[in-house]
Amino acid sequence: MKLSSQIKPISYLKAHTAEIVRNLGKQREPLVITQKGEAKVVMQDIESYERTQETLALLKILALGTRQIEEGKVQPAKDVIKRLRERREAR
């Protein structure tokens, strides 16, 4: 993805909103909007946004798991399975 071709000033957004929305849905690439020469916002289609949010959620889960491993807050799977089976049998 090359962001340099996806940078537009806010005046372009104001004048071409419908076209931009259509293109975002087709191209699946984010659009950077500038104001007074500085990047201010990033626009993207909803499907790309949802995928990004799902990816971030998975990365957070992985980071949490890694941290728990580093802190020694894990147990061998065989021990957990054994304990669960014992609980089920006790019922």
N, C-alpha and C. Protein backbone atom coordinates (compact mmCIF):
# COMPACT_ATOMS: atom_id res chain seq x y z
N MET A 1 0.86 -1.17 0.00
CA MET A 1 0.00 0.00 0.00
C MET A 1 0.90 1.23 0.00
N LYS A 2 0.64 2.13 -0.91
CA LYS A 2 1.44 3.34 -1.04
C LYS A 2 0.57 4.52 -0.64
N LEU A 3 0.79 5.04 0.57
CA LEU A 3 -0.04 6.14 1.06
C LEU A 3 0.17 7.44 0.30
N SER A 4 1.32 7.60 -0.32
CA SER A 4 1.59 8.87 -1.00
C SER A 4 0.56 9.17 -2.08
N SER A 5 -0.04 8.15 -2.67
CA SER A 5 -1.06 8.40 -3.69
C SER A 5 -2.45 8.54 -3.08
N GLN A 6 -2.55 8.36 -1.78
CA GLN A 6 -3.83 8.41 -1.09
C GLN A 6 -3.86 9.56 -0.07
N ILE A 7 -3.27 10.67 -0.42
CA ILE A 7 -3.27 11.85 0.44
C ILE A 7 -4.00 12.98 -0.27
N LYS A 8 -5.00 13.52 0.38
CA LYS A 8 -5.79 14.60 -0.22
C LYS A 8 -6.04 15.68 0.82
N PRO A 9 -6.13 16.94 0.37
CA PRO A 9 -6.45 18.03 1.30
C PRO A 9 -7.94 18.00 1.66
N ILE A 10 -8.27 18.60 2.76
CA ILE A 10 -9.65 18.62 3.24
C ILE A 10 -10.59 19.28 2.22
N SER A 11 -10.08 20.22 1.45
CA SER A 11 -10.92 20.86 0.42
C SER A 11 -11.34 19.85 -0.64
N TYR A 12 -10.46 18.89 -0.96
CA TYR A 12 -10.81 17.84 -1.91
C TYR A 12 -11.91 16.95 -1.32
N LEU A 13 -11.81 16.65 -0.04
CA LEU A 13 -12.84 15.86 0.63
C LEU A 13 -14.19 16.56 0.55
N LYS A 14 -14.20 17.85 0.82
CA LYS A 14 -15.45 18.62 0.79
C LYS A 14 -16.08 18.61 -0.60
N ALA A 15 -15.26 18.70 -1.63
CA ALA A 15 -15.76 18.81 -3.00
C ALA A 15 -16.09 17.45 -3.64
N HIS A 16 -15.52 16.37 -3.12
CA HIS A 16 -15.66 15.06 -3.77
C HIS A 16 -16.07 13.95 -2.81
N THR A 17 -16.86 14.26 -1.82
CA THR A 17 -17.20 13.29 -0.77
C THR A 17 -17.80 12.01 -1.33
N ALA A 18 -18.81 12.10 -2.17
CA ALA A 18 -19.47 10.90 -2.70
C ALA A 18 -18.48 10.03 -3.48
N GLU A 19 -17.66 10.66 -4.29
CA GLU A 19 -16.66 9.93 -5.08
C GLU A 19 -15.65 9.23 -4.16
N ILE A 20 -15.22 9.92 -3.13
CA ILE A 20 -14.26 9.35 -2.18
C ILE A 20 -14.85 8.13 -1.50
N VAL A 21 -16.09 8.24 -1.05
CA VAL A 21 -16.75 7.13 -0.37
C VAL A 21 -16.85 5.92 -1.32
N ARG A 22 -17.23 6.15 -2.56
CA ARG A 22 -17.30 5.07 -3.54
C ARG A 22 -15.94 4.40 -3.72
N ASN A 23 -14.91 5.22 -3.88
CA ASN A 23 -13.55 4.70 -4.13
C ASN A 23 -13.01 3.94 -2.93
N LEU A 24 -13.30 4.42 -1.73
CA LEU A 24 -12.84 3.71 -0.54
C LEU A 24 -13.41 2.30 -0.50
N GLY A 25 -14.67 2.17 -0.86
CA GLY A 25 -15.30 0.86 -0.88
C GLY A 25 -14.71 -0.07 -1.93
N LYS A 26 -14.29 0.48 -3.06
CA LYS A 26 -13.73 -0.32 -4.15
C LYS A 26 -12.25 -0.64 -3.93
N GLN A 27 -11.48 0.37 -3.57
CA GLN A 27 -10.03 0.23 -3.50
C GLN A 27 -9.53 -0.45 -2.23
N ARG A 28 -10.28 -0.33 -1.14
CA ARG A 28 -9.90 -0.93 0.14
C ARG A 28 -8.56 -0.38 0.65
N GLU A 29 -8.27 0.86 0.30
CA GLU A 29 -7.06 1.52 0.78
C GLU A 29 -7.45 2.76 1.57
N PRO A 30 -6.75 3.02 2.67
CA PRO A 30 -7.09 4.20 3.46
C PRO A 30 -6.75 5.50 2.71
N LEU A 31 -7.42 6.56 3.09
CA LEU A 31 -7.19 7.88 2.51
C LEU A 31 -6.79 8.82 3.64
N VAL A 32 -5.67 9.49 3.47
CA VAL A 32 -5.18 10.46 4.46
C VAL A 32 -5.69 11.84 4.06
N ILE A 33 -6.34 12.52 5.01
CA ILE A 33 -6.84 13.87 4.77
C ILE A 33 -5.94 14.85 5.51
N THR A 34 -5.51 15.87 4.76
CA THR A 34 -4.64 16.88 5.37
C THR A 34 -5.40 18.18 5.60
N GLN A 35 -4.92 18.92 6.56
CA GLN A 35 -5.45 20.26 6.84
C GLN A 35 -4.26 21.16 7.09
N LYS A 36 -4.17 22.20 6.31
CA LYS A 36 -3.04 23.13 6.36
C LYS A 36 -1.70 22.39 6.22
N GLY A 37 -1.70 21.41 5.31
CA GLY A 37 -0.47 20.68 5.00
C GLY A 37 -0.10 19.58 5.97
N GLU A 38 -0.87 19.37 7.02
CA GLU A 38 -0.57 18.32 7.99
C GLU A 38 -1.61 17.21 7.93
N ALA A 39 -1.16 15.98 8.04
CA ALA A 39 -2.09 14.86 8.08
C ALA A 39 -2.94 14.97 9.34
N LYS A 40 -4.26 14.90 9.18
CA LYS A 40 -5.17 15.05 10.32
C LYS A 40 -6.02 13.82 10.58
N VAL A 41 -6.52 13.18 9.53
CA VAL A 41 -7.37 12.00 9.71
C VAL A 41 -7.07 10.97 8.63
N VAL A 42 -7.47 9.74 8.94
CA VAL A 42 -7.39 8.66 7.97
C VAL A 42 -8.80 8.11 7.79
N MET A 43 -9.22 7.98 6.55
CA MET A 43 -10.54 7.42 6.23
C MET A 43 -10.32 6.05 5.60
N GLN A 44 -11.23 5.11 5.95
CA GLN A 44 -11.17 3.80 5.32
C GLN A 44 -12.57 3.20 5.27
N ASP A 45 -12.75 2.24 4.40
CA ASP A 45 -14.07 1.60 4.28
C ASP A 45 -14.33 0.76 5.53
N ILE A 46 -15.59 0.47 5.78
CA ILE A 46 -16.00 -0.19 7.01
C ILE A 46 -15.45 -1.61 7.11
N GLU A 47 -15.41 -2.33 6.00
CA GLU A 47 -14.90 -3.71 6.04
C GLU A 47 -13.43 -3.74 6.43
N SER A 48 -12.65 -2.83 5.89
CA SER A 48 -11.23 -2.76 6.25
C SER A 48 -11.08 -2.37 7.72
N TYR A 49 -11.90 -1.44 8.16
CA TYR A 49 -11.85 -1.02 9.56
C TYR A 49 -12.17 -2.20 10.49
N GLU A 50 -13.21 -2.96 10.16
CA GLU A 50 -13.58 -4.11 10.99
C GLU A 50 -12.48 -5.16 11.02
N ARG A 51 -11.85 -5.41 9.87
CA ARG A 51 -10.73 -6.37 9.83
C ARG A 51 -9.58 -5.87 10.70
N THR A 52 -9.31 -4.58 10.64
CA THR A 52 -8.25 -4.01 11.45
C THR A 52 -8.56 -4.19 12.94
N GLN A 53 -9.79 -3.93 13.34
CA GLN A 53 -10.18 -4.08 14.74
C GLN A 53 -10.06 -5.54 15.19
N GLU A 54 -10.46 -6.48 14.34
CA GLU A 54 -10.34 -7.90 14.67
C GLU A 54 -8.87 -8.29 14.83
N THR A 55 -8.04 -7.79 13.94
CA THR A 55 -6.60 -8.08 14.01
C THR A 55 -6.02 -7.53 15.30
N LEU A 56 -6.39 -6.31 15.66
CA LEU A 56 -5.90 -5.72 16.91
C LEU A 56 -6.34 -6.53 18.12
N ALA A 57 -7.59 -7.01 18.11
CA ALA A 57 -8.08 -7.81 19.22
C ALA A 57 -7.27 -9.10 19.35
N LEU A 58 -6.98 -9.75 18.23
CA LEU A 58 -6.18 -10.97 18.27
C LEU A 58 -4.76 -10.69 18.76
N LEU A 59 -4.19 -9.59 18.33
CA LEU A 59 -2.85 -9.23 18.79
C LEU A 59 -2.82 -8.96 20.29
N LYS A 60 -3.88 -8.33 20.81
CA LYS A 60 -3.96 -8.10 22.26
C LYS A 60 -4.04 -9.41 23.02
N ILE A 61 -4.82 -10.36 22.50
CA ILE A 61 -4.93 -11.67 23.14
C ILE A 61 -3.57 -12.37 23.13
N LEU A 62 -2.87 -12.31 22.01
CA LEU A 62 -1.54 -12.91 21.93
C LEU A 62 -0.57 -12.26 22.90
N ALA A 63 -0.62 -10.95 22.99
CA ALA A 63 0.27 -10.23 23.91
C ALA A 63 -0.03 -10.61 25.35
N LEU A 64 -1.32 -10.73 25.68
CA LEU A 64 -1.71 -11.13 27.03
C LEU A 64 -1.19 -12.54 27.33
N GLY A 65 -1.36 -13.45 26.38
CA GLY A 65 -0.86 -14.81 26.57
C GLY A 65 0.64 -14.85 26.75
N THR A 66 1.35 -14.09 25.97
CA THR A 66 2.81 -14.02 26.08
C THR A 66 3.22 -13.49 27.46
N ARG A 67 2.53 -12.46 27.91
CA ARG A 67 2.82 -11.89 29.23
C ARG A 67 2.57 -12.91 30.33
N GLN A 68 1.47 -13.66 30.22
CA GLN A 68 1.16 -14.67 31.23
C GLN A 68 2.20 -15.77 31.24
N ILE A 69 2.69 -16.15 30.08
CA ILE A 69 3.77 -17.14 30.00
C ILE A 69 5.01 -16.61 30.69
N GLU A 70 5.38 -15.37 30.39
CA GLU A 70 6.57 -14.76 30.99
C GLU A 70 6.46 -14.66 32.51
N GLU A 71 5.24 -14.45 33.01
CA GLU A 71 5.01 -14.31 34.45
C GLU A 71 4.79 -15.66 35.14
N GLY A 72 4.84 -16.73 34.36
CA GLY A 72 4.66 -18.06 34.92
C GLY A 72 3.24 -18.37 35.34
N LYS A 73 2.29 -17.68 34.75
CA LYS A 73 0.87 -17.88 35.09
C LYS A 73 0.21 -18.91 34.16
N VAL A 74 0.92 -19.98 33.87
CA VAL A 74 0.40 -21.02 32.99
C VAL A 74 0.54 -22.37 33.67
N GLN A 75 -0.23 -23.32 33.19
CA GLN A 75 -0.16 -24.69 33.69
C GLN A 75 -0.11 -25.61 32.50
N PRO A 76 0.54 -26.76 32.66
CA PRO A 76 0.57 -27.71 31.55
C PRO A 76 -0.85 -28.14 31.18
N ALA A 77 -1.12 -28.29 29.90
CA ALA A 77 -2.45 -28.65 29.42
C ALA A 77 -2.92 -29.97 30.02
N LYS A 78 -2.01 -30.93 30.16
CA LYS A 78 -2.42 -32.24 30.70
C LYS A 78 -2.95 -32.10 32.13
N ASP A 79 -2.36 -31.19 32.92
CA ASP A 79 -2.85 -30.97 34.29
C ASP A 79 -4.24 -30.34 34.29
N VAL A 80 -4.45 -29.40 33.43
CA VAL A 80 -5.75 -28.73 33.34
C VAL A 80 -6.82 -29.72 32.88
N ILE A 81 -6.51 -30.50 31.86
CA ILE A 81 -7.46 -31.49 31.35
C ILE A 81 -7.80 -32.51 32.43
N LYS A 82 -6.79 -32.96 33.16
CA LYS A 82 -7.02 -33.92 34.24
C LYS A 82 -7.96 -33.33 35.29
N ARG A 83 -7.71 -32.09 35.69
CA ARG A 83 -8.54 -31.43 36.69
C ARG A 83 -9.98 -31.26 36.21
N LEU A 84 -10.16 -30.88 34.94
CA LEU A 84 -11.51 -30.74 34.37
C LEU A 84 -12.25 -32.07 34.34
N ARG A 85 -11.53 -33.12 33.98
CA ARG A 85 -12.17 -34.45 33.96
C ARG A 85 -12.58 -34.89 35.37
N GLU A 86 -11.74 -34.59 36.32
CA GLU A 86 -12.07 -34.94 37.71
C GLU A 86 -13.30 -34.18 38.19
N ARG A 87 -13.40 -32.91 37.83
CA ARG A 87 -14.58 -32.12 38.19
C ARG A 87 -15.84 -32.69 37.56
N ARG A 88 -15.74 -33.06 36.29
CA ARG A 88 -16.90 -33.60 35.59
C ARG A 88 -17.34 -34.92 36.21
N GLU A 89 -16.41 -35.74 36.57
CA GLU A 89 -16.74 -37.03 37.17
C GLU A 89 -17.31 -36.87 38.57
N ALA A 90 -16.94 -35.83 39.28
CA ALA A 90 -17.42 -35.59 40.63
C ALA A 90 -18.88 -35.17 40.64
N ARG A 91 -19.41 -34.74 39.54
CA ARG A 91 -20.81 -34.27 39.48
C ARG A 91 -21.77 -35.38 39.51
